[in-house]
Amino acid sequence: LKSLLGFTNAEHEDYQTLVLANEEIKKVNNYINDRQREDDEKDSIIQLLLAQRGRGLGKKNTVTETDVDGYLKVSIMNATNLIPIFSNKSCNALAEVHFAKKVFPTHVVRKDNNPSWDEEFVLQVPVQTSPNFTSTFSIFVWDYDRLRPKELIGSYNFNTVEFLNMSKQQKTVKLELSQKCEKRKKKNQPDPEVQLSFIFRKADE
């Protein structure tokens, strides 16, 4: 149709009809492509959820499939300006997502105050009327040491409901520092921040 439109004189009586038909075809193609992207994203979320279970993450699950409202994919991308606790130079950075008494940890990025994790986790979100619904989830960032208990750098709490009506978004959040990090923070030092992205998909879509 696009080729036919290119060979049709703009003054031809059928030209406007062809233009409108071409626009409608574009709309249909865009709709099909959008649905395909959504289906692919949902498939990737399910695969990631299964992989998590295979790694032992989220095994103790009290949420039944009929109780699930949807799936929230949390991507922990990177952090900046972290304050080391075990060293004066750099930290061994570990991030965790805490949701419904479950903990989803990243790998440890060693000797880096600006770590890049690029890890994804899927949270099964129950319907809001369920007793299993959790109104908040949190991100914790730690300085990790194999020989000593990890030390908290800072954390941030999210409102779960905020993400249920948005398909995709990115956030950069300023960490609420632990008391120990507050004391170690230098004057005029930039605040530690974490960059994340979120995708929510309804279970019945």
Protein backbone atom coordinates (compact mmCIF):
# COMPACT_ATOMS: atom_id res chain seq x y z
CA LEU A 1 0.00 0.00 0.00
CA LYS A 2 2.88 2.36 0.77
CA SER A 3 4.34 1.70 -2.69
CA LEU A 4 0.95 2.27 -4.31
CA LEU A 5 0.64 5.55 -2.43
CA GLY A 6 4.03 6.63 -3.76
CA PHE A 7 2.87 6.10 -7.34
CA THR A 8 -0.48 7.82 -6.85
CA ASN A 9 -0.86 11.47 -7.77
CA ALA A 10 -1.90 13.64 -4.84
CA GLU A 11 -4.74 15.00 -6.91
CA HIS A 12 -6.16 11.55 -7.66
CA GLU A 13 -9.63 10.96 -6.21
CA ASP A 14 -8.43 7.89 -4.29
CA TYR A 15 -5.30 9.52 -2.86
CA GLN A 16 -6.79 10.58 0.50
CA THR A 17 -8.41 7.17 0.90
CA LEU A 18 -5.02 5.53 0.40
CA VAL A 19 -3.43 7.93 2.91
CA LEU A 20 -6.05 7.07 5.55
CA ALA A 21 -5.72 3.35 4.85
CA ASN A 22 -1.94 3.57 5.19
CA GLU A 23 -2.28 5.35 8.55
CA GLU A 24 -4.67 2.67 9.82
CA ILE A 25 -2.22 -0.05 8.80
CA LYS A 26 0.54 1.77 10.71
CA LYS A 27 -1.67 1.86 13.82
CA VAL A 28 -2.39 -1.86 13.55
CA ASN A 29 1.30 -2.66 13.07
CA ASN A 30 2.27 -0.50 16.07
CA TYR A 31 -0.38 -2.24 18.20
CA ILE A 32 0.88 -5.68 17.16
CA ASN A 33 4.50 -4.67 17.86
CA ASP A 34 3.58 -3.26 21.28
CA ARG A 35 1.71 -6.43 22.22
CA GLN A 36 4.64 -8.54 21.05
CA ARG A 37 7.05 -6.52 23.20
CA GLU A 38 4.74 -6.91 26.20
CA ASP A 39 4.47 -10.67 25.63
CA ASP A 40 8.24 -10.97 25.27
CA GLU A 41 8.75 -8.95 28.46
CA LYS A 42 6.30 -11.12 30.37
CA ASP A 43 8.02 -14.27 29.10
CA SER A 44 11.39 -12.91 30.25
CA ILE A 45 9.91 -12.12 33.68
CA ILE A 46 8.59 -15.68 34.05
CA GLN A 47 11.95 -17.12 32.97
CA LEU A 48 13.74 -14.90 35.47
CA LEU A 49 11.31 -15.98 38.21
CA LEU A 50 11.99 -19.66 37.45
CA ALA A 51 15.74 -19.00 37.45
CA GLN A 52 15.45 -17.32 40.87
CA ARG A 53 13.68 -20.37 42.27
CA GLY A 54 16.38 -22.57 40.82
CA ARG A 55 18.94 -20.52 42.76
CA GLY A 56 16.89 -20.88 45.93
CA LEU A 57 15.59 -17.29 45.91
CA GLY A 58 11.97 -16.97 46.97
CA LYS A 59 11.50 -20.69 47.59
CA LYS A 60 9.54 -20.16 50.79
CA ASN A 61 6.62 -18.61 49.03
CA THR A 62 3.28 -18.18 50.79
CA VAL A 63 1.70 -16.56 47.72
CA THR A 64 -0.44 -18.87 45.59
CA GLU A 65 -0.80 -18.34 41.85
CA THR A 66 -4.44 -17.26 42.29
CA ASP A 67 -3.28 -14.71 44.88
CA VAL A 68 -0.80 -13.02 42.50
CA ASP A 69 -1.79 -9.64 41.10
CA GLY A 70 1.33 -9.31 38.98
CA TYR A 71 5.11 -9.41 38.71
CA LEU A 72 7.42 -6.50 39.48
CA LYS A 73 10.84 -6.75 37.88
CA VAL A 74 13.39 -4.72 39.80
CA SER A 75 16.68 -3.96 38.06
CA ILE A 76 19.48 -2.75 40.32
CA MET A 77 21.73 -0.97 37.87
CA ASN A 78 24.44 0.94 39.70
CA ALA A 79 25.34 3.18 42.63
CA THR A 80 27.43 6.30 42.98
CA ASN A 81 29.40 7.96 45.79
CA LEU A 82 29.19 5.05 48.23
CA ILE A 83 30.94 5.58 51.56
CA PRO A 84 33.30 2.74 52.55
CA ILE A 85 33.27 1.46 56.12
CA PHE A 86 36.00 -1.19 56.26
CA SER A 87 38.46 0.91 54.28
CA ASN A 88 39.29 4.59 53.81
CA LYS A 89 39.47 4.16 50.04
CA SER A 90 36.79 1.87 48.61
CA CYS A 91 34.05 -0.55 49.57
CA ASN A 92 33.02 -4.04 48.51
CA ALA A 93 29.51 -3.17 47.45
CA LEU A 94 26.57 -5.53 47.89
CA ALA A 95 22.94 -4.55 47.21
CA GLU A 96 19.80 -6.37 48.35
CA VAL A 97 16.10 -6.10 47.64
CA HIS A 98 13.94 -6.93 50.67
CA PHE A 99 10.32 -7.83 49.97
CA ALA A 100 7.78 -9.86 51.97
CA LYS A 101 10.45 -11.36 54.26
CA LYS A 102 12.53 -12.41 51.25
CA VAL A 103 16.00 -11.15 50.39
CA PHE A 104 17.33 -10.89 46.82
CA PRO A 105 21.11 -10.15 46.82
CA THR A 106 23.34 -8.98 43.99
CA HIS A 107 26.91 -10.11 43.52
CA VAL A 108 29.63 -8.19 45.37
CA VAL A 109 31.50 -5.53 43.40
CA ARG A 110 34.91 -5.27 45.02
CA LYS A 111 36.88 -2.09 45.69
CA ASP A 112 34.49 0.28 43.96
CA ASN A 113 32.54 3.22 45.38
CA ASN A 114 30.62 3.52 42.10
CA PRO A 115 29.64 -0.12 41.50
CA SER A 116 27.66 -1.43 38.57
CA TRP A 117 25.59 -4.53 39.32
CA ASP A 118 23.07 -4.75 36.45
CA GLU A 119 21.07 -7.49 38.17
CA GLU A 120 17.34 -8.20 37.91
CA PHE A 121 14.90 -9.74 40.36
CA VAL A 122 11.20 -10.53 40.10
CA LEU A 123 8.85 -9.87 42.99
CA GLN A 124 5.50 -11.69 43.04
CA VAL A 125 3.02 -9.04 44.14
CA PRO A 126 -0.20 -10.33 45.73
CA VAL A 127 -3.54 -8.58 45.19
CA GLN A 128 -3.95 -5.68 47.61
CA THR A 129 -6.83 -7.40 49.45
CA SER A 130 -4.64 -10.40 50.26
CA PRO A 131 -3.20 -10.82 53.78
CA ASN A 132 0.10 -11.54 52.01
CA PHE A 133 0.21 -8.10 50.37
CA THR A 134 3.27 -6.10 51.41
CA SER A 135 2.86 -2.34 51.14
CA THR A 136 6.58 -1.56 50.95
CA PHE A 137 9.84 -3.03 49.71
CA SER A 138 13.38 -1.84 50.31
CA ILE A 139 16.82 -1.61 48.79
CA PHE A 140 19.80 -2.07 51.13
CA VAL A 141 23.42 -1.37 50.20
CA TRP A 142 26.23 -2.88 52.25
CA ASP A 143 29.98 -2.84 52.57
CA TYR A 144 30.90 -6.53 52.51
CA ASP A 145 33.82 -8.28 54.14
CA ARG A 146 34.31 -12.06 54.17
CA LEU A 147 35.80 -12.09 57.66
CA ARG A 148 33.42 -9.67 59.37
CA PRO A 149 29.67 -9.03 59.41
CA LYS A 150 28.61 -6.78 56.53
CA GLU A 151 28.05 -3.13 57.42
CA LEU A 152 25.06 -1.12 56.21
CA ILE A 153 25.87 1.90 54.03
CA GLY A 154 22.28 2.97 53.49
CA SER A 155 18.78 1.99 52.42
CA TYR A 156 15.64 3.26 50.72
CA ASN A 157 11.99 2.26 51.09
CA PHE A 158 9.53 2.11 48.19
CA ASN A 159 5.73 2.13 48.22
CA THR A 160 4.63 -1.02 46.38
CA VAL A 161 1.34 0.51 45.19
CA GLU A 162 3.26 3.26 43.37
CA PHE A 163 4.46 0.72 40.79
CA LEU A 164 1.22 -1.19 40.17
CA ASN A 165 -0.23 1.32 37.70
CA MET A 166 2.96 2.01 35.76
CA SER A 167 4.33 -0.34 33.15
CA LYS A 168 7.94 0.89 33.16
CA GLN A 169 9.98 3.53 34.93
CA GLN A 170 13.47 4.39 36.12
CA LYS A 171 14.43 5.94 39.44
CA THR A 172 17.57 7.33 40.99
CA VAL A 173 17.19 7.38 44.77
CA LYS A 174 19.31 8.94 47.49
CA LEU A 175 20.16 6.43 50.19
CA GLU A 176 19.20 7.08 53.79
CA LEU A 177 22.59 6.59 55.39
CA SER A 178 23.31 4.44 58.41
CA GLN A 179 24.62 6.26 61.49
CA LYS A 180 28.10 4.92 60.88
CA CYS A 181 28.13 6.25 57.32
CA GLU A 182 26.75 9.61 58.42
CA LYS A 183 29.75 9.97 60.71
CA ARG A 184 32.19 8.93 57.95
CA LYS A 185 30.71 11.22 55.32
CA LYS A 186 32.99 14.15 54.54
CA LYS A 187 31.84 17.73 54.26
CA ASN A 188 30.48 18.55 50.77
CA GLN A 189 30.75 14.88 49.76
CA PRO A 190 28.00 13.95 47.25
CA ASP A 191 25.13 11.84 48.57
CA PRO A 192 25.23 8.11 47.76
CA GLU A 193 22.60 7.22 45.16
CA VAL A 194 21.31 4.06 43.49
CA GLN A 195 19.84 3.83 40.02
CA LEU A 196 17.07 1.28 39.43
CA SER A 197 14.46 0.44 36.84
CA PHE A 198 11.07 -1.20 37.29
CA ILE A 199 8.63 -3.08 35.06
CA PHE A 200 5.27 -4.29 36.32
CA ARG A 201 3.15 -6.84 34.45
CA LYS A 202 -0.31 -7.99 35.53
CA ALA A 203 -0.60 -11.74 35.96
CA ASP A 204 -3.73 -11.97 33.79
CA GLU A 205 -2.41 -9.93 30.84
